[in-house]
N, C-alpha and C. Protein backbone atom coordinates (compact mmCIF):
# COMPACT_ATOMS: atom_id res chain seq x y z
N MET A 1 -11.41 -20.66 -1.89
CA MET A 1 -10.66 -21.39 -1.27
C MET A 1 -10.62 -22.74 -1.77
N SER A 2 -9.42 -23.39 -1.94
CA SER A 2 -9.30 -24.81 -2.48
C SER A 2 -9.01 -25.52 -1.28
N ASP A 3 -8.53 -25.00 -0.24
CA ASP A 3 -8.11 -25.89 1.16
C ASP A 3 -9.17 -26.77 1.65
N LYS A 4 -9.03 -27.84 1.87
CA LYS A 4 -9.81 -28.96 2.35
C LYS A 4 -10.27 -28.63 3.99
N HIS A 5 -9.11 -28.15 4.47
CA HIS A 5 -9.12 -27.75 6.01
C HIS A 5 -9.24 -26.41 6.13
N PRO A 6 -9.66 -25.89 7.40
CA PRO A 6 -9.53 -24.34 7.80
C PRO A 6 -7.86 -24.52 8.16
N SER A 7 -7.56 -23.03 7.76
CA SER A 7 -6.15 -22.77 8.13
C SER A 7 -5.90 -22.90 9.53
N SER A 8 -6.66 -22.62 10.36
CA SER A 8 -6.35 -22.60 11.81
C SER A 8 -6.07 -23.98 12.37
N VAL A 9 -6.47 -25.07 11.95
CA VAL A 9 -6.26 -26.30 12.23
C VAL A 9 -4.97 -26.87 11.75
N SER A 10 -4.22 -27.42 12.52
CA SER A 10 -2.95 -28.08 12.06
C SER A 10 -3.19 -29.34 11.46
N PRO A 11 -2.26 -29.57 10.40
CA PRO A 11 -2.57 -30.82 9.74
C PRO A 11 -2.19 -32.04 10.53
N TYR A 12 -1.36 -31.67 11.42
CA TYR A 12 -1.04 -32.93 12.36
C TYR A 12 -2.25 -33.34 13.20
N LEU A 13 -2.92 -32.52 13.70
CA LEU A 13 -4.15 -32.86 14.47
C LEU A 13 -5.30 -33.45 13.47
N LEU A 14 -5.30 -33.56 12.27
CA LEU A 14 -6.16 -34.12 11.25
C LEU A 14 -5.74 -35.34 10.85
N ARG A 15 -4.73 -36.01 11.11
CA ARG A 15 -4.19 -37.24 10.81
C ARG A 15 -4.78 -38.15 11.85
N PRO A 16 -4.89 -39.70 11.40
CA PRO A 16 -5.45 -40.40 12.40
C PRO A 16 -4.15 -40.84 13.53
N LEU A 17 -4.70 -40.85 14.91
CA LEU A 17 -3.82 -41.30 15.75
C LEU A 17 -2.93 -42.44 15.68
N ARG A 18 -4.19 -43.65 15.35
CA ARG A 18 -3.29 -45.02 15.31
C ARG A 18 -4.08 -45.59 13.96
N SER A 19 -3.21 -46.25 13.36
CA SER A 19 -3.97 -46.78 12.31
C SER A 19 -4.36 -48.38 12.62
N LEU A 20 -5.13 -48.89 11.86
CA LEU A 20 -5.83 -50.18 12.30
C LEU A 20 -4.87 -51.29 12.42
N ASP A 21 -3.86 -51.21 11.63
CA ASP A 21 -2.57 -52.18 11.64
C ASP A 21 -1.91 -52.10 13.13
N GLU A 22 -1.69 -50.93 13.50
CA GLU A 22 -1.19 -50.91 14.86
C GLU A 22 -2.16 -51.38 16.00
N VAL A 23 -3.44 -51.30 15.83
CA VAL A 23 -4.41 -51.70 16.65
C VAL A 23 -4.40 -53.11 16.94
N GLN A 24 -4.47 -53.77 15.46
CA GLN A 24 -4.40 -55.21 15.30
C GLN A 24 -3.16 -55.91 16.01
N ARG A 25 -1.74 -55.09 15.69
CA ARG A 25 -0.58 -55.71 16.19
C ARG A 25 -0.61 -55.62 17.50
N ASP A 26 -1.35 -54.59 18.49
CA ASP A 26 -1.46 -54.53 19.79
C ASP A 26 -2.31 -55.89 20.32
N LEU A 27 -3.63 -55.95 19.61
CA LEU A 27 -4.33 -57.06 19.97
C LEU A 27 -3.67 -58.36 19.90
N GLU A 28 -3.07 -58.72 19.02
CA GLU A 28 -2.28 -60.03 18.65
C GLU A 28 -1.34 -60.02 19.55
N LYS A 29 -0.55 -59.00 20.15
CA LYS A 29 0.43 -59.23 21.27
C LYS A 29 -0.22 -59.54 22.58
N ALA A 30 -1.50 -59.03 22.70
CA ALA A 30 -1.95 -59.42 23.99
C ALA A 30 -2.91 -60.71 24.09
N ASN A 31 -2.98 -61.19 22.67
CA ASN A 31 -3.55 -62.53 22.79
C ASN A 31 -2.64 -63.59 22.64
N ALA A 32 -1.33 -63.35 22.53
CA ALA A 32 -0.27 -64.18 22.53
C ALA A 32 -0.41 -65.35 23.47
N VAL A 33 -0.26 -66.63 23.14
CA VAL A 33 -0.35 -67.78 24.08
C VAL A 33 1.02 -68.21 24.54
N THR A 34 1.97 -67.77 23.73
CA THR A 34 3.45 -68.66 24.03
C THR A 34 3.73 -67.99 25.44
N THR A 35 4.62 -68.73 26.32
CA THR A 35 5.16 -68.35 27.34
C THR A 35 6.77 -67.95 27.62
N GLN A 36 7.22 -68.52 26.24
CA GLN A 36 8.72 -68.32 26.13
C GLN A 36 8.84 -66.84 25.31
N ALA A 37 9.97 -66.26 25.69
CA ALA A 37 10.48 -64.98 25.07
C ALA A 37 9.20 -63.84 24.94
N ARG A 38 8.51 -63.87 25.77
CA ARG A 38 7.55 -62.78 25.86
C ARG A 38 8.33 -61.77 26.43
N THR A 39 8.12 -60.53 26.15
CA THR A 39 8.58 -59.33 26.68
C THR A 39 7.76 -58.80 28.14
N ILE A 40 8.35 -57.95 29.03
CA ILE A 40 7.73 -57.55 29.95
C ILE A 40 6.34 -57.08 29.70
N HIS A 41 6.22 -56.25 28.62
CA HIS A 41 5.19 -55.71 28.04
C HIS A 41 4.23 -56.47 27.64
N ASP A 42 4.15 -57.81 27.22
CA ASP A 42 3.42 -58.68 26.77
C ASP A 42 2.91 -59.42 27.93
N ARG A 43 3.68 -59.69 29.03
CA ARG A 43 3.09 -60.42 30.15
C ARG A 43 2.15 -59.45 30.95
N LEU A 44 2.38 -58.21 30.96
CA LEU A 44 1.55 -57.19 31.82
C LEU A 44 0.38 -57.06 30.89
N VAL A 45 0.24 -56.98 29.81
CA VAL A 45 -0.79 -56.88 28.95
C VAL A 45 -1.75 -58.09 29.13
N ALA A 46 -1.06 -59.41 29.08
CA ALA A 46 -1.69 -60.68 29.24
C ALA A 46 -2.34 -60.59 30.65
N ALA A 47 -1.42 -60.22 31.71
CA ALA A 47 -1.91 -60.18 33.07
C ALA A 47 -3.24 -59.46 33.22
N LEU A 48 -3.18 -58.32 32.65
CA LEU A 48 -4.50 -57.45 33.04
C LEU A 48 -5.71 -58.01 32.14
N THR A 49 -5.53 -58.40 30.79
CA THR A 49 -6.41 -59.00 30.11
C THR A 49 -6.89 -60.13 30.78
N ALA A 50 -6.31 -61.00 31.47
CA ALA A 50 -6.85 -62.08 32.18
C ALA A 50 -7.68 -61.80 33.35
N ARG A 51 -7.42 -60.80 33.83
CA ARG A 51 -8.23 -60.15 35.07
C ARG A 51 -9.61 -59.41 34.49
N GLY A 52 -9.72 -59.39 33.39
CA GLY A 52 -10.93 -58.74 32.72
C GLY A 52 -10.89 -57.60 32.24
N GLU A 53 -9.64 -57.06 32.17
CA GLU A 53 -9.65 -55.68 31.40
C GLU A 53 -9.21 -55.70 30.06
N ARG A 54 -9.76 -54.85 29.16
CA ARG A 54 -9.64 -54.54 27.82
C ARG A 54 -8.66 -53.83 27.33
N ILE A 55 -8.01 -53.83 25.89
CA ILE A 55 -7.23 -52.91 25.48
C ILE A 55 -8.36 -51.94 24.94
N VAL A 56 -7.82 -50.54 24.94
CA VAL A 56 -8.52 -49.52 24.50
C VAL A 56 -8.04 -49.44 23.08
N GLU A 57 -8.73 -50.03 21.96
CA GLU A 57 -8.38 -49.75 20.50
C GLU A 57 -8.01 -48.43 20.05
N ASP A 58 -8.91 -47.39 20.23
CA ASP A 58 -8.87 -46.25 19.56
C ASP A 58 -8.09 -45.01 20.90
N ALA A 59 -7.03 -45.74 21.49
CA ALA A 59 -6.26 -44.83 22.21
C ALA A 59 -5.58 -43.79 21.70
N ARG A 60 -5.22 -42.62 22.33
CA ARG A 60 -4.91 -41.35 21.88
C ARG A 60 -3.41 -41.28 21.97
N THR A 61 -2.83 -42.33 22.43
CA THR A 61 -1.32 -42.42 22.63
C THR A 61 -0.78 -43.65 21.67
N THR A 62 0.39 -43.51 21.00
CA THR A 62 1.13 -44.56 20.64
C THR A 62 2.42 -45.01 21.42
N LYS A 63 2.74 -44.38 22.41
CA LYS A 63 3.85 -44.71 23.25
C LYS A 63 3.34 -45.85 24.32
N TYR A 64 2.03 -45.84 24.58
CA TYR A 64 1.80 -46.70 25.61
C TYR A 64 0.51 -47.70 25.02
N THR A 65 0.45 -48.97 25.56
CA THR A 65 -0.78 -49.62 25.52
C THR A 65 -1.59 -49.18 26.58
N MET A 66 -2.98 -48.72 25.90
CA MET A 66 -3.82 -48.37 26.91
C MET A 66 -4.88 -49.43 27.36
N VAL A 67 -5.01 -49.82 28.60
CA VAL A 67 -6.01 -50.81 29.20
C VAL A 67 -6.94 -50.29 29.93
N THR A 68 -8.18 -50.63 30.04
CA THR A 68 -9.14 -50.17 30.99
C THR A 68 -8.59 -50.66 32.56
N ARG A 69 -9.11 -49.89 33.48
CA ARG A 69 -8.75 -49.90 34.86
C ARG A 69 -9.82 -50.92 35.63
N GLU A 70 -9.53 -51.19 36.65
CA GLU A 70 -10.37 -52.03 37.37
C GLU A 70 -11.89 -51.16 37.62
N ALA A 71 -13.09 -51.94 37.64
CA ALA A 71 -14.21 -51.34 37.31
C ALA A 71 -14.64 -50.30 38.26
N GLY A 72 -14.05 -50.36 39.58
CA GLY A 72 -14.52 -49.35 40.59
C GLY A 72 -13.69 -48.06 40.44
N LYS A 73 -12.56 -48.03 39.59
CA LYS A 73 -11.79 -46.96 39.75
C LYS A 73 -11.66 -45.94 38.47
N ALA A 74 -11.64 -44.80 38.28
CA ALA A 74 -11.68 -44.16 37.34
C ALA A 74 -10.21 -44.11 36.72
N GLY A 75 -10.22 -44.06 35.09
CA GLY A 75 -8.85 -43.86 34.53
C GLY A 75 -8.50 -45.20 33.87
N PHE A 76 -7.26 -45.33 33.48
CA PHE A 76 -6.88 -46.20 32.79
C PHE A 76 -5.46 -46.85 33.29
N CYS A 77 -4.88 -47.97 32.57
CA CYS A 77 -3.39 -48.33 32.97
C CYS A 77 -2.80 -48.20 31.59
N TYR A 78 -1.52 -47.64 31.59
CA TYR A 78 -0.89 -47.53 30.40
C TYR A 78 0.42 -48.44 30.67
N ILE A 79 0.64 -49.35 29.64
CA ILE A 79 1.90 -49.73 29.54
C ILE A 79 2.75 -49.66 28.59
N GLY A 80 3.98 -49.36 29.00
CA GLY A 80 5.00 -48.85 28.07
C GLY A 80 5.61 -50.09 27.28
N ASN A 81 6.54 -49.69 26.31
CA ASN A 81 7.07 -50.95 25.47
C ASN A 81 8.21 -51.77 26.31
N ALA A 82 8.86 -50.90 27.28
CA ALA A 82 9.68 -51.62 28.21
C ALA A 82 9.38 -52.13 29.28
N GLY A 83 7.91 -52.15 29.73
CA GLY A 83 7.31 -52.65 30.58
C GLY A 83 6.97 -51.72 31.87
N ALA A 84 6.95 -50.27 31.69
CA ALA A 84 6.59 -49.46 32.32
C ALA A 84 5.08 -49.55 32.64
N LEU A 85 4.53 -49.54 33.86
CA LEU A 85 3.05 -49.78 34.25
C LEU A 85 2.64 -48.27 34.84
N ARG A 86 1.68 -47.53 34.34
CA ARG A 86 1.34 -46.27 35.11
C ARG A 86 -0.27 -46.43 35.11
N ALA A 87 -0.67 -45.60 36.15
CA ALA A 87 -2.34 -45.47 35.95
C ALA A 87 -2.66 -44.32 36.35
N GLY A 88 -3.85 -43.82 35.51
CA GLY A 88 -4.58 -42.59 35.89
C GLY A 88 -5.28 -42.18 34.85
N ARG A 89 -6.00 -40.90 34.95
CA ARG A 89 -7.27 -40.72 34.01
C ARG A 89 -6.63 -40.54 32.59
N THR A 90 -5.64 -39.67 32.37
CA THR A 90 -4.87 -39.61 31.23
C THR A 90 -3.40 -39.91 31.21
N VAL A 91 -2.62 -39.83 30.20
CA VAL A 91 -1.19 -40.21 30.24
C VAL A 91 -0.60 -38.96 31.01
N ALA A 92 -1.04 -37.85 30.69
CA ALA A 92 -0.18 -36.89 31.57
C ALA A 92 -0.42 -36.90 32.92
N GLU A 93 -1.65 -37.37 33.48
CA GLU A 93 -1.88 -37.41 34.77
C GLU A 93 -1.55 -38.70 35.46
N SER A 94 -1.06 -39.52 34.60
CA SER A 94 -0.92 -40.90 35.04
C SER A 94 0.53 -40.84 36.12
N ARG A 95 0.40 -41.84 36.94
CA ARG A 95 1.56 -41.97 37.80
C ARG A 95 2.17 -43.49 37.90
N PRO A 96 3.35 -43.55 38.25
CA PRO A 96 3.65 -45.32 38.04
C PRO A 96 3.10 -45.88 39.18
N VAL A 97 2.89 -47.25 38.95
CA VAL A 97 2.24 -48.20 39.64
C VAL A 97 3.37 -48.67 40.69
N ALA A 98 2.80 -49.06 41.89
CA ALA A 98 3.94 -49.35 42.99
C ALA A 98 4.84 -50.70 42.32
N ALA A 99 6.08 -50.80 42.86
CA ALA A 99 6.66 -51.98 42.19
C ALA A 99 6.00 -53.36 42.43
N ALA A 100 5.65 -53.47 43.92
CA ALA A 100 5.04 -54.79 44.29
C ALA A 100 3.75 -55.16 43.64
N LEU A 101 3.14 -54.04 43.11
CA LEU A 101 1.79 -54.61 42.55
C LEU A 101 2.18 -54.89 41.06
N ARG A 102 3.22 -54.19 40.56
CA ARG A 102 3.64 -54.42 39.04
C ARG A 102 4.21 -55.99 39.13
N ALA A 103 5.11 -56.30 40.16
CA ALA A 103 5.73 -57.52 40.35
C ALA A 103 4.51 -58.69 40.46
N ARG A 104 3.14 -58.37 41.25
CA ARG A 104 2.47 -59.21 41.28
C ARG A 104 1.58 -59.72 40.09
N PHE A 105 1.51 -58.60 39.12
CA PHE A 105 0.81 -58.95 37.98
C PHE A 105 1.72 -59.74 36.97
N LEU A 106 3.13 -59.32 36.90
CA LEU A 106 4.04 -60.18 36.46
C LEU A 106 4.00 -61.49 36.78
N GLY A 107 3.84 -62.03 38.05
CA GLY A 107 3.67 -63.22 38.52
C GLY A 107 2.52 -63.93 38.00
N GLU A 108 1.38 -63.17 37.76
CA GLU A 108 0.08 -63.72 37.20
C GLU A 108 0.44 -64.22 35.88
N ALA A 109 1.10 -63.65 35.02
CA ALA A 109 1.41 -63.86 33.32
C ALA A 109 1.96 -65.19 33.42
C-alpha cells in the first residue's frame, strides 16, 4: 500500500481547519484600535475581548469567530462576519443572543 492515509478517512477531514494566516488575521482584527470604519463584527469582537474573553485560535469553524464565554457559563460565543452573535456549546447547538444584549455589547465597543 502506497497510500499515506487509510482509505476509510476522507482527505477533507485530514486538512487543517484553519491556517495560521487566518488565525493571525482574526487576531489583528480583534486588536484593531481604530474606531472609524470598523464593522459590526470587529466591534463585537473588541467588546468581548475588552470584557476579558479571548479568541479561540484553533476553532473548528471558519464561518464564525469563536470567543470564550463568561467564566461561569459553559460554551462559547460565535460572531458571524455580518455581526451575528450566537452562544452555545458548539456551533450547531448555538442560539442567537437577544438583540438587547447584542446592542449593549455594540455600545461598549
